[in-house]
Amino acid sequence: MTTSFHPTATAAAAISALVFATGAPAHAQEQAAPTKPMTSRDQAQIYRHSIPTGWETEIYVTDAQGAERAQMLLDLYEILQTAPTIENVQPFLRPDYIQHSSMLPNGAPPLAMLFSTSVSQFPVKIDVYRIAIVGNFGMAHVNFRNLDNEDPEDLGIAAVDMYLWDENGLLAEHWDTLQEVPLYSANTNTEFLRLFEGAE
């Protein structure tokens, strides 16, 4: 048995409206290019970013050694933003310190020189929002501000620095991922603060 379909006047009107709305018949729509996935730029970025104030560095460690290493990173960041000489930076790093950041060669001198160039010209500030240490591996979530400008409203560069310690407690290896903090966001959560209160 063959069944044929005969649209009613209402169905025909609906099909006609669909064709009019899309500008093409239904069979032509099937051949059209697929819709691109939505990107963050397509979303409503209406909230202006601002730098958080009144926060405290969150430290996540499992033992006394982790606490010492977290303090070591805090001390290193303090030196990098105030007195980043080679002599001040070298005690934190192995002589053969391995650098994975594409911005720097290996060793302490390039790291010191990068920050000393900025500190000599600009009011560099490194905001350390959280540090987590597990064994010989650790990470820090930071914001590098005023590396190349004097703007008090500089939003900075959001970074996750990852480190590996050697058997003597020196930094042996470093990776990072960097993101310039954009002027606007699709949410009001900021790049840095932890808002969920259920995890301590």
C-alpha atoms as a PDB file:
ATOM      1  CA  MET A   1       0.000   0.000   0.000  1.00  0.00           C
ATOM      2  CA  THR A   2       1.323   3.431  -0.924  1.00  0.00           C
ATOM      3  CA  THR A   3       0.376   6.468   1.068  1.00  0.00           C
ATOM      4  CA  SER A   4       0.605   9.868  -0.510  1.00  0.00           C
ATOM      5  CA  PHE A   5       0.806  13.120   1.427  1.00  0.00           C
ATOM      6  CA  HIS A   6      -1.322  16.085   0.487  1.00  0.00           C
ATOM      7  CA  PRO A   7      -0.641  19.115   2.670  1.00  0.00           C
ATOM      8  CA  THR A   8      -3.612  20.992   3.933  1.00  0.00           C
ATOM      9  CA  ALA A   9      -3.849  24.714   3.400  1.00  0.00           C
ATOM     10  CA  THR A  10      -2.493  25.291   6.926  1.00  0.00           C
ATOM     11  CA  ALA A  11       0.486  22.974   6.364  1.00  0.00           C
ATOM     12  CA  ALA A  12       1.179  24.554   3.003  1.00  0.00           C
ATOM     13  CA  ALA A  13       1.163  27.984   4.606  1.00  0.00           C
ATOM     14  CA  ALA A  14       3.599  26.795   7.270  1.00  0.00           C
ATOM     15  CA  ILE A  15       5.954  25.359   4.648  1.00  0.00           C
ATOM     16  CA  SER A  16       5.709  28.548   2.637  1.00  0.00           C
ATOM     17  CA  ALA A  17       6.520  30.597   5.741  1.00  0.00           C
ATOM     18  CA  LEU A  18       9.535  28.399   6.447  1.00  0.00           C
ATOM     19  CA  VAL A  19      10.847  28.866   2.906  1.00  0.00           C
ATOM     20  CA  PHE A  20      10.281  32.608   3.117  1.00  0.00           C
ATOM     21  CA  ALA A  21      12.009  32.860   6.486  1.00  0.00           C
ATOM     22  CA  THR A  22      15.101  30.963   5.415  1.00  0.00           C
ATOM     23  CA  GLY A  23      15.242  32.315   1.891  1.00  0.00           C
ATOM     24  CA  ALA A  24      15.688  28.829   0.443  1.00  0.00           C
ATOM     25  CA  PRO A  25      13.607  25.696  -0.012  1.00  0.00           C
ATOM     26  CA  ALA A  26      14.066  22.889   2.473  1.00  0.00           C
ATOM     27  CA  HIS A  27      16.127  20.723   0.100  1.00  0.00           C
ATOM     28  CA  ALA A  28      18.501  23.637  -0.506  1.00  0.00           C
ATOM     29  CA  GLN A  29      19.007  24.085   3.248  1.00  0.00           C
ATOM     30  CA  GLU A  30      20.333  20.530   3.497  1.00  0.00           C
ATOM     31  CA  GLN A  31      23.112  21.419   1.066  1.00  0.00           C
ATOM     32  CA  ALA A  32      24.036  24.690   2.791  1.00  0.00           C
ATOM     33  CA  ALA A  33      27.311  24.961   4.680  1.00  0.00           C
ATOM     34  CA  PRO A  34      27.075  23.691   8.281  1.00  0.00           C
ATOM     35  CA  THR A  35      26.684  26.288  10.999  1.00  0.00           C
ATOM     36  CA  LYS A  36      29.962  27.127  12.707  1.00  0.00           C
ATOM     37  CA  PRO A  37      30.140  26.362  16.439  1.00  0.00           C
ATOM     38  CA  MET A  38      29.686  29.376  18.677  1.00  0.00           C
ATOM     39  CA  THR A  39      32.921  30.890  19.917  1.00  0.00           C
ATOM     40  CA  SER A  40      33.473  33.051  22.963  1.00  0.00           C
ATOM     41  CA  ARG A  41      33.644  36.078  20.689  1.00  0.00           C
ATOM     42  CA  ASP A  42      30.087  35.377  19.561  1.00  0.00           C
ATOM     43  CA  GLN A  43      28.799  35.509  23.115  1.00  0.00           C
ATOM     44  CA  ALA A  44      27.788  38.692  24.865  1.00  0.00           C
ATOM     45  CA  GLN A  45      30.999  40.040  26.383  1.00  0.00           C
ATOM     46  CA  ILE A  46      29.444  42.880  28.302  1.00  0.00           C
ATOM     47  CA  TYR A  47      31.104  42.684  31.715  1.00  0.00           C
ATOM     48  CA  ARG A  48      34.242  44.741  32.170  1.00  0.00           C
ATOM     49  CA  HIS A  49      37.100  42.958  33.896  1.00  0.00           C
ATOM     50  CA  SER A  50      38.616  44.506  36.995  1.00  0.00           C
ATOM     51  CA  ILE A  51      41.473  43.486  39.255  1.00  0.00           C
ATOM     52  CA  PRO A  52      40.267  41.781  42.451  1.00  0.00           C
ATOM     53  CA  THR A  53      41.112  43.450  45.758  1.00  0.00           C
ATOM     54  CA  GLY A  54      41.130  42.121  49.293  1.00  0.00           C
ATOM     55  CA  TRP A  55      42.039  38.542  48.389  1.00  0.00           C
ATOM     56  CA  GLU A  56      44.528  36.229  50.123  1.00  0.00           C
ATOM     57  CA  THR A  57      46.780  33.675  48.432  1.00  0.00           C
ATOM     58  CA  GLU A  58      45.255  30.203  48.661  1.00  0.00           C
ATOM     59  CA  ILE A  59      47.797  27.492  49.527  1.00  0.00           C
ATOM     60  CA  TYR A  60      47.017  23.818  48.864  1.00  0.00           C
ATOM     61  CA  VAL A  61      49.636  21.416  50.267  1.00  0.00           C
ATOM     62  CA  THR A  62      49.650  17.974  51.873  1.00  0.00           C
ATOM     63  CA  ASP A  63      52.689  18.201  54.151  1.00  0.00           C
ATOM     64  CA  ALA A  64      55.374  20.442  55.652  1.00  0.00           C
ATOM     65  CA  GLN A  65      57.602  20.070  52.602  1.00  0.00           C
ATOM     66  CA  GLY A  66      54.763  21.317  50.409  1.00  0.00           C
ATOM     67  CA  ALA A  67      54.308  24.315  52.683  1.00  0.00           C
ATOM     68  CA  GLU A  68      58.028  25.127  52.402  1.00  0.00           C
ATOM     69  CA  ARG A  69      57.881  24.889  48.630  1.00  0.00           C
ATOM     70  CA  ALA A  70      54.800  27.098  48.482  1.00  0.00           C
ATOM     71  CA  GLN A  71      56.676  29.707  50.523  1.00  0.00           C
ATOM     72  CA  MET A  72      59.651  29.309  48.194  1.00  0.00           C
ATOM     73  CA  LEU A  73      57.452  30.242  45.218  1.00  0.00           C
ATOM     74  CA  LEU A  74      56.034  33.235  47.091  1.00  0.00           C
ATOM     75  CA  ASP A  75      59.593  34.376  47.864  1.00  0.00           C
ATOM     76  CA  LEU A  76      60.639  33.924  44.233  1.00  0.00           C
ATOM     77  CA  TYR A  77      57.714  35.979  42.933  1.00  0.00           C
ATOM     78  CA  GLU A  78      58.509  38.696  45.479  1.00  0.00           C
ATOM     79  CA  ILE A  79      62.084  38.863  44.203  1.00  0.00           C
ATOM     80  CA  LEU A  80      60.951  38.893  40.574  1.00  0.00           C
ATOM     81  CA  GLN A  81      58.759  41.941  41.221  1.00  0.00           C
ATOM     82  CA  THR A  82      61.206  43.863  43.409  1.00  0.00           C
ATOM     83  CA  ALA A  83      64.868  42.878  42.959  1.00  0.00           C
ATOM     84  CA  PRO A  84      65.235  40.386  40.088  1.00  0.00           C
ATOM     85  CA  THR A  85      69.012  40.234  39.882  1.00  0.00           C
ATOM     86  CA  ILE A  86      70.796  37.099  38.732  1.00  0.00           C
ATOM     87  CA  GLU A  87      72.314  36.772  42.212  1.00  0.00           C
ATOM     88  CA  ASN A  88      68.868  36.893  43.829  1.00  0.00           C
ATOM     89  CA  VAL A  89      67.223  34.451  41.434  1.00  0.00           C
ATOM     90  CA  GLN A  90      69.999  31.827  41.205  1.00  0.00           C
ATOM     91  CA  PRO A  91      69.517  30.323  44.719  1.00  0.00           C
ATOM     92  CA  PHE A  92      66.026  29.122  43.743  1.00  0.00           C
ATOM     93  CA  LEU A  93      67.038  27.288  40.565  1.00  0.00           C
ATOM     94  CA  ARG A  94      69.324  24.474  39.542  1.00  0.00           C
ATOM     95  CA  PRO A  95      72.267  25.631  37.409  1.00  0.00           C
ATOM     96  CA  ASP A  96      70.805  23.596  34.539  1.00  0.00           C
ATOM     97  CA  TYR A  97      67.235  24.871  35.091  1.00  0.00           C
ATOM     98  CA  ILE A  98      65.054  23.708  32.185  1.00  0.00           C
ATOM     99  CA  GLN A  99      62.734  26.325  30.721  1.00  0.00           C
ATOM    100  CA  HIS A 100      59.721  25.286  28.616  1.00  0.00           C
ATOM    101  CA  SER A 101      58.304  28.787  28.185  1.00  0.00           C
ATOM    102  CA  SER A 102      58.839  29.882  24.592  1.00  0.00           C
ATOM    103  CA  MET A 103      59.796  33.348  25.866  1.00  0.00           C
ATOM    104  CA  LEU A 104      63.035  32.349  27.600  1.00  0.00           C
ATOM    105  CA  PRO A 105      66.175  30.235  27.263  1.00  0.00           C
ATOM    106  CA  ASN A 106      67.236  27.840  30.015  1.00  0.00           C
ATOM    107  CA  GLY A 107      68.821  28.956  33.276  1.00  0.00           C
ATOM    108  CA  ALA A 108      68.429  31.673  35.887  1.00  0.00           C
ATOM    109  CA  PRO A 109      70.043  34.624  34.026  1.00  0.00           C
ATOM    110  CA  PRO A 110      67.378  34.930  31.292  1.00  0.00           C
ATOM    111  CA  LEU A 111      64.574  34.837  33.882  1.00  0.00           C
ATOM    112  CA  ALA A 112      66.270  37.495  35.986  1.00  0.00           C
ATOM    113  CA  MET A 113      67.023  39.703  32.988  1.00  0.00           C
ATOM    114  CA  LEU A 114      63.444  39.515  31.694  1.00  0.00           C
ATOM    115  CA  PHE A 115      62.028  40.811  34.957  1.00  0.00           C
ATOM    116  CA  SER A 116      64.854  43.255  35.704  1.00  0.00           C
ATOM    117  CA  THR A 117      64.179  44.982  32.381  1.00  0.00           C
ATOM    118  CA  SER A 118      60.523  45.426  33.331  1.00  0.00           C
ATOM    119  CA  VAL A 119      61.127  46.336  36.973  1.00  0.00           C
ATOM    120  CA  SER A 120      63.628  49.035  35.997  1.00  0.00           C
ATOM    121  CA  GLN A 121      60.959  50.806  33.923  1.00  0.00           C
ATOM    122  CA  PHE A 122      57.535  49.892  35.271  1.00  0.00           C
ATOM    123  CA  PRO A 123      55.720  49.254  38.594  1.00  0.00           C
ATOM    124  CA  VAL A 124      55.632  45.474  38.135  1.00  0.00           C
ATOM    125  CA  LYS A 125      53.239  43.581  40.389  1.00  0.00           C
ATOM    126  CA  ILE A 126      52.807  39.810  40.591  1.00  0.00           C
ATOM    127  CA  ASP A 127      49.547  38.801  42.220  1.00  0.00           C
ATOM    128  CA  VAL A 128      49.709  35.194  43.438  1.00  0.00           C
ATOM    129  CA  TYR A 129      46.158  33.900  43.815  1.00  0.00           C
ATOM    130  CA  ARG A 130      46.796  30.238  44.564  1.00  0.00           C
ATOM    131  CA  ILE A 131      49.580  27.700  44.881  1.00  0.00           C
ATOM    132  CA  ALA A 132      49.182  23.921  44.940  1.00  0.00           C
ATOM    133  CA  ILE A 133      52.024  21.504  45.677  1.00  0.00           C
ATOM    134  CA  VAL A 134      51.924  17.717  45.349  1.00  0.00           C
ATOM    135  CA  GLY A 135      55.254  15.995  45.963  1.00  0.00           C
ATOM    136  CA  ASN A 136      57.869  17.387  43.582  1.00  0.00           C
ATOM    137  CA  PHE A 137      55.312  19.090  41.352  1.00  0.00           C
ATOM    138  CA  GLY A 138      53.644  22.425  41.949  1.00  0.00           C
ATOM    139  CA  MET A 139      51.644  25.134  40.230  1.00  0.00           C
ATOM    140  CA  ALA A 140      50.866  28.775  40.839  1.00  0.00           C
ATOM    141  CA  HIS A 141      47.956  30.802  39.458  1.00  0.00           C
ATOM    142  CA  VAL A 142      49.208  34.364  39.085  1.00  0.00           C
ATOM    143  CA  ASN A 143      48.613  37.673  37.377  1.00  0.00           C
ATOM    144  CA  PHE A 144      51.612  39.564  35.990  1.00  0.00           C
ATOM    145  CA  ARG A 145      50.707  43.264  35.949  1.00  0.00           C
ATOM    146  CA  ASN A 146      52.522  46.284  34.521  1.00  0.00           C
ATOM    147  CA  LEU A 147      55.250  44.291  32.824  1.00  0.00           C
ATOM    148  CA  ASP A 148      55.352  46.799  29.985  1.00  0.00           C
ATOM    149  CA  ASN A 149      53.293  49.804  31.066  1.00  0.00           C
ATOM    150  CA  GLU A 150      52.519  52.180  33.951  1.00  0.00           C
ATOM    151  CA  ASP A 151      48.740  52.034  33.671  1.00  0.00           C
ATOM    152  CA  PRO A 152      47.240  51.625  37.186  1.00  0.00           C
ATOM    153  CA  GLU A 153      44.265  49.904  35.530  1.00  0.00           C
ATOM    154  CA  ASP A 154      46.432  47.345  33.710  1.00  0.00           C
ATOM    155  CA  LEU A 155      44.570  44.029  33.743  1.00  0.00           C
ATOM    156  CA  GLY A 156      47.752  41.997  33.372  1.00  0.00           C
ATOM    157  CA  ILE A 157      48.582  38.577  32.028  1.00  0.00           C
ATOM    158  CA  ALA A 158      46.918  35.591  33.677  1.00  0.00           C
ATOM    159  CA  ALA A 159      49.343  32.708  34.067  1.00  0.00           C
ATOM    160  CA  VAL A 160      49.556  29.197  35.402  1.00  0.00           C
ATOM    161  CA  ASP A 161      53.207  28.455  36.211  1.00  0.00           C
ATOM    162  CA  MET A 162      54.087  24.787  36.704  1.00  0.00           C
ATOM    163  CA  TYR A 163      57.278  23.686  38.429  1.00  0.00           C
ATOM    164  CA  LEU A 164      59.273  20.538  39.142  1.00  0.00           C
ATOM    165  CA  TRP A 165      61.663  20.374  42.120  1.00  0.00           C
ATOM    166  CA  ASP A 166      64.845  18.312  42.207  1.00  0.00           C
ATOM    167  CA  GLU A 167      66.059  16.095  45.051  1.00  0.00           C
ATOM    168  CA  ASN A 168      67.805  19.073  46.677  1.00  0.00           C
ATOM    169  CA  GLY A 169      64.711  21.254  46.790  1.00  0.00           C
ATOM    170  CA  LEU A 170      65.698  23.474  43.857  1.00  0.00           C
ATOM    171  CA  LEU A 171      63.472  24.329  40.915  1.00  0.00           C
ATOM    172  CA  ALA A 172      64.537  22.078  38.070  1.00  0.00           C
ATOM    173  CA  GLU A 173      61.931  22.644  35.370  1.00  0.00           C
ATOM    174  CA  HIS A 174      59.224  25.179  34.449  1.00  0.00           C
ATOM    175  CA  TRP A 175      56.207  25.280  32.144  1.00  0.00           C
ATOM    176  CA  ASP A 176      53.587  27.990  31.779  1.00  0.00           C
ATOM    177  CA  THR A 177      50.423  28.935  30.013  1.00  0.00           C
ATOM    178  CA  LEU A 178      49.694  32.638  29.549  1.00  0.00           C
ATOM    179  CA  GLN A 179      46.594  34.627  28.657  1.00  0.00           C
ATOM    180  CA  GLU A 180      46.281  38.380  28.393  1.00  0.00           C
ATOM    181  CA  VAL A 181      43.329  39.379  30.552  1.00  0.00           C
ATOM    182  CA  PRO A 182      40.715  40.780  28.137  1.00  0.00           C
ATOM    183  CA  LEU A 183      38.904  44.033  28.790  1.00  0.00           C
ATOM    184  CA  TYR A 184      35.481  42.392  28.701  1.00  0.00           C
ATOM    185  CA  SER A 185      34.068  39.022  29.714  1.00  0.00           C
ATOM    186  CA  ALA A 186      30.871  37.039  29.224  1.00  0.00           C
ATOM    187  CA  ASN A 187      30.603  36.630  33.022  1.00  0.00           C
ATOM    188  CA  THR A 188      31.379  38.529  36.221  1.00  0.00           C
ATOM    189  CA  ASN A 189      33.526  35.837  37.856  1.00  0.00           C
ATOM    190  CA  THR A 190      36.947  37.428  37.079  1.00  0.00           C
ATOM    191  CA  GLU A 191      39.930  35.447  35.823  1.00  0.00           C
ATOM    192  CA  PHE A 192      41.254  34.669  39.287  1.00  0.00           C
ATOM    193  CA  LEU A 193      38.865  34.337  42.233  1.00  0.00           C
ATOM    194  CA  ARG A 194      37.474  31.071  43.547  1.00  0.00           C
ATOM    195  CA  LEU A 195      33.760  31.539  44.186  1.00  0.00           C
ATOM    196  CA  PHE A 196      32.593  28.021  45.071  1.00  0.00           C
ATOM    197  CA  GLU A 197      32.527  27.666  48.858  1.00  0.00           C
ATOM    198  CA  GLY A 198      32.103  23.896  49.076  1.00  0.00           C
ATOM    199  CA  ALA A 199      35.757  22.852  48.603  1.00  0.00           C
ATOM    200  CA  GLU A 200      38.282  23.624  51.296  1.00  0.00           C
END
